[in-house]
Amino acid sequence: MHALLVALLLMFGSPARADDAELKLCGCSGRVVSMMQCIGSGSASNSTRFLINLTASLNKFTSIWIIVGECSKIRGKIMEKSPVTYFYTANSQFAYLGHQEFIRLARASGRSVIHKPFRLMKCLESIGYHPLEERTSALLEYQFGRSPHRWAEYRSVLMPAEIPSSHDDGAELSDLVLISAVQEGIDVDYLSSVFMHNHWINNVSLNDEKSVREILQAQGLNANNLLRLAKTKKALTVYEENTKEAINLPVFGSPTYAVDGDMFYGQDNLILVARALEEPFK
């Protein structure tokens, strides 16, 4: 039997935030993972998603947030949201264009990000993509010329007029460093952004050890350790596992986001990712 949980959170000042509030009422405990939404627990058939259904403004200094949800005295927990899976390669133009917005959306929804750098070309070859030389010049100009520059303007992201000359070097070393950084507990949301920015704005090769070392040192990180870890069998195994997972989904390109098992390809679909982070599609 489920009980109705009503939590009144009285907050002074502005803005009011309920994200970190702990709930310990009627034998239940948990965390409100979003100011706008949390997930009720119970049996699989009765688990429900619920929203804040009332906000009463008492005056400009005080607000009461009323969170109404379903909980179980027996099972007793409000479940946290699952992380978002992020498939990309560090020199991906469209991953770069959408990266900041994606990280912002994930954090605003109270979700962490699972970074899965992968071998993009190996993945594309396995699903039978059309090589660039088989595409028309008009399509290439649209896909890699007009389109990314419009998105750069829309998202207020810097974008060079031409593809960096170092782009064809690939990004395997940086991908492996990011995998190692995850294992070391480093903020990869930020570090991946640093790699992308340096490649697209400063024409830095992401597969050159000297260049990657300089990026890491500039961030105050232990470059020697991360580069050493990036060359280990452990990091390479994760890289291949990420690629195999991408092939099996299948992933069509970089970036690809997976929210609660629902896959979204391309940063132009972040508007749908935003919806899925709060409420799954049917």
Protein backbone atom coordinates (compact mmCIF):
# COMPACT_ATOMS: atom_id res chain seq x y z
CA MET A 1 0.00 0.00 0.00
CA HIS A 2 1.36 3.34 -1.01
CA ALA A 3 1.01 6.47 1.05
CA LEU A 4 0.87 10.03 -0.11
CA LEU A 5 4.02 11.96 0.79
CA VAL A 6 3.71 15.70 1.25
CA ALA A 7 6.93 17.57 1.98
CA LEU A 8 6.80 21.22 2.82
CA LEU A 9 10.11 22.94 2.29
CA LEU A 10 10.19 26.46 3.65
CA MET A 11 12.91 28.55 2.10
CA PHE A 12 14.03 32.09 2.65
CA GLY A 13 15.79 34.17 0.06
CA SER A 14 15.91 33.73 -3.67
CA PRO A 15 16.13 31.55 -5.61
CA ALA A 16 14.60 28.66 -3.68
CA ARG A 17 16.18 25.25 -4.29
CA ALA A 18 14.91 21.87 -3.22
CA ASP A 19 17.47 19.80 -5.08
CA ASP A 20 19.46 18.79 -2.02
CA ALA A 21 16.62 18.38 0.44
CA GLU A 22 16.46 15.03 2.20
CA LEU A 23 13.09 13.44 2.81
CA LYS A 24 12.55 11.48 5.99
CA LEU A 25 8.81 11.30 6.42
CA CYS A 26 6.40 8.41 7.08
CA GLY A 27 9.29 5.94 7.24
CA CYS A 28 10.64 6.91 3.81
CA SER A 29 13.95 8.50 2.99
CA GLY A 30 15.67 9.73 -0.13
CA ARG A 31 16.70 12.84 -2.01
CA VAL A 32 14.74 15.17 -4.20
CA VAL A 33 16.84 14.86 -7.34
CA SER A 34 15.19 17.74 -9.16
CA MET A 35 13.31 20.78 -7.97
CA MET A 36 10.69 19.97 -10.56
CA GLN A 37 10.52 16.20 -10.37
CA CYS A 38 11.35 13.09 -8.39
CA ILE A 39 10.61 9.42 -8.83
CA GLY A 40 8.48 7.36 -6.49
CA SER A 41 9.39 3.84 -5.52
CA GLY A 42 7.27 0.78 -4.94
CA SER A 43 6.45 -2.23 -7.03
CA ALA A 44 7.55 -2.11 -10.66
CA SER A 45 3.96 -1.85 -11.86
CA ASN A 46 3.04 0.99 -9.55
CA SER A 47 6.17 3.15 -9.62
CA THR A 48 5.09 6.60 -10.68
CA ARG A 49 6.70 9.81 -11.73
CA PHE A 50 5.43 12.90 -10.08
CA LEU A 51 5.87 16.64 -10.18
CA ILE A 52 5.75 19.53 -7.83
CA ASN A 53 2.09 20.44 -8.13
CA LEU A 54 1.92 23.66 -6.23
CA THR A 55 4.14 26.61 -5.49
CA ALA A 56 2.70 29.29 -3.23
CA SER A 57 4.48 32.60 -3.04
CA LEU A 58 3.96 34.17 0.36
CA ASN A 59 5.94 37.29 -0.50
CA LYS A 60 9.02 38.17 -2.52
CA PHE A 61 11.31 36.84 0.22
CA THR A 62 9.60 33.56 1.13
CA SER A 63 8.29 30.63 -0.89
CA ILE A 64 6.82 27.31 0.10
CA TRP A 65 7.47 24.41 -2.24
CA ILE A 66 4.95 21.62 -1.90
CA ILE A 67 6.15 18.34 -3.32
CA VAL A 68 3.49 15.71 -3.68
CA GLY A 69 4.51 12.18 -4.46
CA GLU A 70 4.01 8.53 -3.85
CA CYS A 71 6.14 6.51 -1.49
CA SER A 72 6.00 3.22 0.28
CA LYS A 73 6.37 2.76 4.04
CA ILE A 74 7.54 -0.77 3.37
CA ARG A 75 9.98 -0.19 0.53
CA GLY A 76 10.81 3.24 1.79
CA LYS A 77 12.96 5.12 -0.74
CA ILE A 78 12.59 7.76 -3.37
CA MET A 79 14.87 6.57 -6.14
CA GLU A 80 17.51 8.81 -7.68
CA LYS A 81 17.56 9.26 -11.43
CA SER A 82 19.83 7.12 -13.53
CA PRO A 83 22.89 8.66 -15.22
CA VAL A 84 23.00 9.63 -18.89
CA THR A 85 25.34 7.75 -21.22
CA TYR A 86 27.41 9.91 -23.57
CA PHE A 87 29.07 8.38 -26.66
CA TYR A 88 31.53 10.68 -28.43
CA THR A 89 35.06 11.16 -29.64
CA ALA A 90 37.02 14.16 -28.40
CA ASN A 91 37.54 15.82 -31.79
CA SER A 92 33.91 15.51 -32.89
CA GLN A 93 32.62 18.80 -34.27
CA PHE A 94 29.02 18.22 -33.25
CA ALA A 95 29.95 16.86 -29.84
CA TYR A 96 31.85 20.12 -29.32
CA LEU A 97 28.89 22.22 -30.45
CA GLY A 98 26.47 20.55 -28.05
CA HIS A 99 28.77 19.67 -25.16
CA GLN A 100 28.16 22.62 -22.85
CA GLU A 101 24.40 22.50 -23.37
CA PHE A 102 24.29 18.75 -22.79
CA ILE A 103 26.27 18.96 -19.55
CA ARG A 104 24.06 21.84 -18.40
CA LEU A 105 20.90 19.83 -19.09
CA ALA A 106 22.21 16.74 -17.33
CA ARG A 107 23.25 18.66 -14.23
CA ALA A 108 20.02 20.66 -14.11
CA SER A 109 18.06 17.40 -14.11
CA GLY A 110 20.14 15.99 -11.26
CA ARG A 111 21.80 13.32 -13.38
CA SER A 112 25.43 12.39 -13.72
CA VAL A 113 27.06 11.59 -17.07
CA ILE A 114 28.75 8.33 -18.02
CA HIS A 115 31.43 9.23 -20.55
CA LYS A 116 32.05 6.62 -23.23
CA PRO A 117 34.66 7.80 -25.74
CA PHE A 118 34.71 5.30 -28.60
CA ARG A 119 36.27 4.55 -31.99
CA LEU A 120 33.88 6.45 -34.23
CA MET A 121 35.16 5.23 -37.59
CA LYS A 122 35.18 1.59 -36.51
CA CYS A 123 31.59 1.99 -35.39
CA LEU A 124 30.51 3.69 -38.62
CA GLU A 125 32.24 1.12 -40.79
CA SER A 126 30.43 -1.68 -38.96
CA ILE A 127 26.98 -0.21 -39.68
CA GLY A 128 27.71 0.54 -43.37
CA TYR A 129 27.82 4.33 -43.45
CA HIS A 130 28.32 6.33 -46.66
CA PRO A 131 31.95 7.55 -46.93
CA LEU A 132 32.44 11.30 -47.41
CA GLU A 133 33.69 10.81 -50.98
CA GLU A 134 30.32 9.28 -51.90
CA ARG A 135 28.36 12.31 -50.72
CA THR A 136 27.56 15.28 -52.93
CA SER A 137 29.51 18.50 -52.51
CA ALA A 138 26.26 20.32 -51.68
CA LEU A 139 25.48 17.87 -48.86
CA LEU A 140 29.01 18.10 -47.47
CA GLU A 141 28.87 21.89 -47.54
CA TYR A 142 25.58 21.81 -45.65
CA GLN A 143 26.62 19.16 -43.11
CA PHE A 144 30.08 20.52 -42.32
CA GLY A 145 29.81 24.14 -43.43
CA ARG A 146 26.55 26.02 -43.08
CA SER A 147 24.93 23.77 -40.48
CA PRO A 148 27.65 23.76 -37.79
CA HIS A 149 28.14 27.51 -38.12
CA ARG A 150 24.45 28.16 -37.62
CA TRP A 151 24.51 25.92 -34.54
CA ALA A 152 27.62 27.68 -33.25
CA GLU A 153 25.83 31.02 -33.51
CA TYR A 154 22.68 29.61 -31.92
CA ARG A 155 24.56 28.09 -28.98
CA SER A 156 27.05 30.99 -28.66
CA VAL A 157 29.95 28.61 -29.24
CA LEU A 158 33.12 29.67 -31.04
CA MET A 159 33.69 27.90 -34.35
CA PRO A 160 36.60 28.40 -36.80
CA ALA A 161 35.87 29.16 -40.43
CA GLU A 162 37.73 26.02 -41.50
CA ILE A 163 38.14 22.52 -40.10
CA PRO A 164 41.39 22.46 -38.02
CA SER A 165 44.36 21.16 -40.00
CA SER A 166 45.07 18.73 -37.14
CA HIS A 167 41.61 17.16 -37.38
CA ASP A 168 42.71 14.17 -39.44
CA ASP A 169 45.18 13.20 -36.69
CA GLY A 170 42.23 11.69 -34.85
CA ALA A 171 41.65 11.75 -31.09
CA GLU A 172 42.55 8.28 -29.84
CA LEU A 173 45.09 9.51 -27.28
CA SER A 174 42.70 12.10 -25.84
CA ASP A 175 39.87 9.56 -25.75
CA LEU A 176 42.10 7.17 -23.79
CA VAL A 177 43.17 9.98 -21.44
CA LEU A 178 39.50 10.78 -20.78
CA ILE A 179 38.82 7.12 -20.01
CA SER A 180 41.75 7.15 -17.58
CA ALA A 181 40.56 10.42 -16.06
CA VAL A 182 37.19 8.81 -15.33
CA GLN A 183 38.98 6.01 -13.51
CA GLU A 184 40.96 8.59 -11.52
CA GLY A 185 37.83 10.47 -10.43
CA ILE A 186 38.66 13.61 -12.40
CA ASP A 187 35.86 15.92 -13.60
CA VAL A 188 35.60 14.62 -17.16
CA ASP A 189 32.56 16.80 -17.90
CA TYR A 190 35.03 19.68 -17.80
CA LEU A 191 38.18 18.00 -19.13
CA SER A 192 36.42 16.77 -22.28
CA SER A 193 35.27 20.35 -22.88
CA VAL A 194 38.86 21.56 -22.57
CA PHE A 195 40.04 19.03 -25.16
CA MET A 196 37.26 19.97 -27.58
CA HIS A 197 37.88 23.69 -27.20
CA ASN A 198 41.62 23.36 -27.73
CA HIS A 199 41.11 21.32 -30.86
CA TRP A 200 38.45 23.46 -32.53
CA ILE A 201 39.66 26.89 -31.45
CA ASN A 202 43.43 26.43 -31.10
CA ASN A 203 43.96 23.73 -33.77
CA VAL A 204 45.57 21.43 -31.20
CA SER A 205 46.09 17.82 -32.25
CA LEU A 206 44.29 15.54 -29.81
CA ASN A 207 46.44 12.59 -30.83
CA ASP A 208 49.82 14.23 -30.22
CA GLU A 209 51.36 13.39 -26.85
CA LYS A 210 53.20 16.69 -26.44
CA SER A 211 50.03 18.69 -27.15
CA VAL A 212 47.87 16.55 -24.86
CA ARG A 213 50.48 16.81 -22.12
CA GLU A 214 50.43 20.62 -22.35
CA ILE A 215 46.63 20.66 -22.08
CA LEU A 216 46.69 18.48 -18.98
CA GLN A 217 49.46 20.49 -17.33
CA ALA A 218 47.59 23.73 -18.00
CA GLN A 219 44.69 22.26 -16.00
CA GLY A 220 46.97 21.41 -13.08
CA LEU A 221 46.59 17.67 -13.66
CA ASN A 222 49.23 14.97 -13.34
CA ALA A 223 49.97 14.63 -17.05
CA ASN A 224 52.58 11.90 -16.63
CA ASN A 225 50.18 9.69 -14.70
CA LEU A 226 47.24 10.19 -17.06
CA LEU A 227 49.35 9.58 -20.15
CA ARG A 228 50.80 6.46 -18.55
CA LEU A 229 47.32 5.17 -17.70
CA ALA A 230 46.10 5.97 -21.22
CA LYS A 231 48.65 3.51 -22.63
CA THR A 232 47.66 0.63 -20.35
CA LYS A 233 45.72 -2.45 -21.39
CA LYS A 234 42.98 -1.44 -18.95
CA ALA A 235 42.25 1.85 -20.74
CA LEU A 236 42.43 0.24 -24.17
CA THR A 237 40.04 -2.50 -23.07
CA VAL A 238 37.47 0.09 -21.93
CA TYR A 239 37.90 1.91 -25.25
CA GLU A 240 37.15 -1.27 -27.19
CA GLU A 241 34.23 -2.14 -24.90
CA ASN A 242 32.75 1.33 -25.44
CA THR A 243 33.10 0.85 -29.19
CA LYS A 244 31.51 -2.59 -29.08
CA GLU A 245 28.61 -1.21 -27.06
CA ALA A 246 28.18 1.61 -29.58
CA ILE A 247 28.14 -0.87 -32.47
CA ASN A 248 25.57 -3.07 -30.76
CA LEU A 249 23.12 -0.22 -30.04
CA PRO A 250 23.86 0.84 -32.86
CA VAL A 251 25.29 4.34 -32.54
CA PHE A 252 25.19 6.32 -35.81
CA GLY A 253 27.74 8.99 -34.93
CA SER A 254 29.15 11.41 -32.38
CA PRO A 255 27.59 12.62 -30.15
CA THR A 256 24.98 10.11 -29.08
CA TYR A 257 23.13 10.35 -25.77
CA ALA A 258 21.24 7.54 -24.03
CA VAL A 259 18.61 8.53 -21.46
CA ASP A 260 16.99 5.66 -19.57
CA GLY A 261 17.65 3.36 -22.53
CA ASP A 262 16.28 5.83 -25.11
CA MET A 263 18.95 6.85 -27.65
CA PHE A 264 19.30 10.32 -29.22
CA TYR A 265 21.79 10.96 -32.03
CA GLY A 266 23.20 14.42 -32.64
CA GLN A 267 23.40 17.62 -30.65
CA ASP A 268 20.49 18.96 -32.69
CA ASN A 269 18.32 16.52 -30.72
CA LEU A 270 19.20 18.01 -27.34
CA ILE A 271 15.73 19.53 -27.15
CA LEU A 272 14.41 15.94 -27.08
CA VAL A 273 17.09 14.93 -24.59
CA ALA A 274 15.90 17.75 -22.32
CA ARG A 275 12.36 16.36 -22.43
CA ALA A 276 13.54 12.77 -21.83
CA LEU A 277 15.59 13.84 -18.82
CA GLU A 278 12.40 15.02 -17.13
CA GLU A 279 9.78 12.71 -18.62
CA PRO A 280 10.35 9.63 -20.79
CA PHE A 281 8.79 9.36 -24.22
CA LYS A 282 6.06 6.76 -24.62
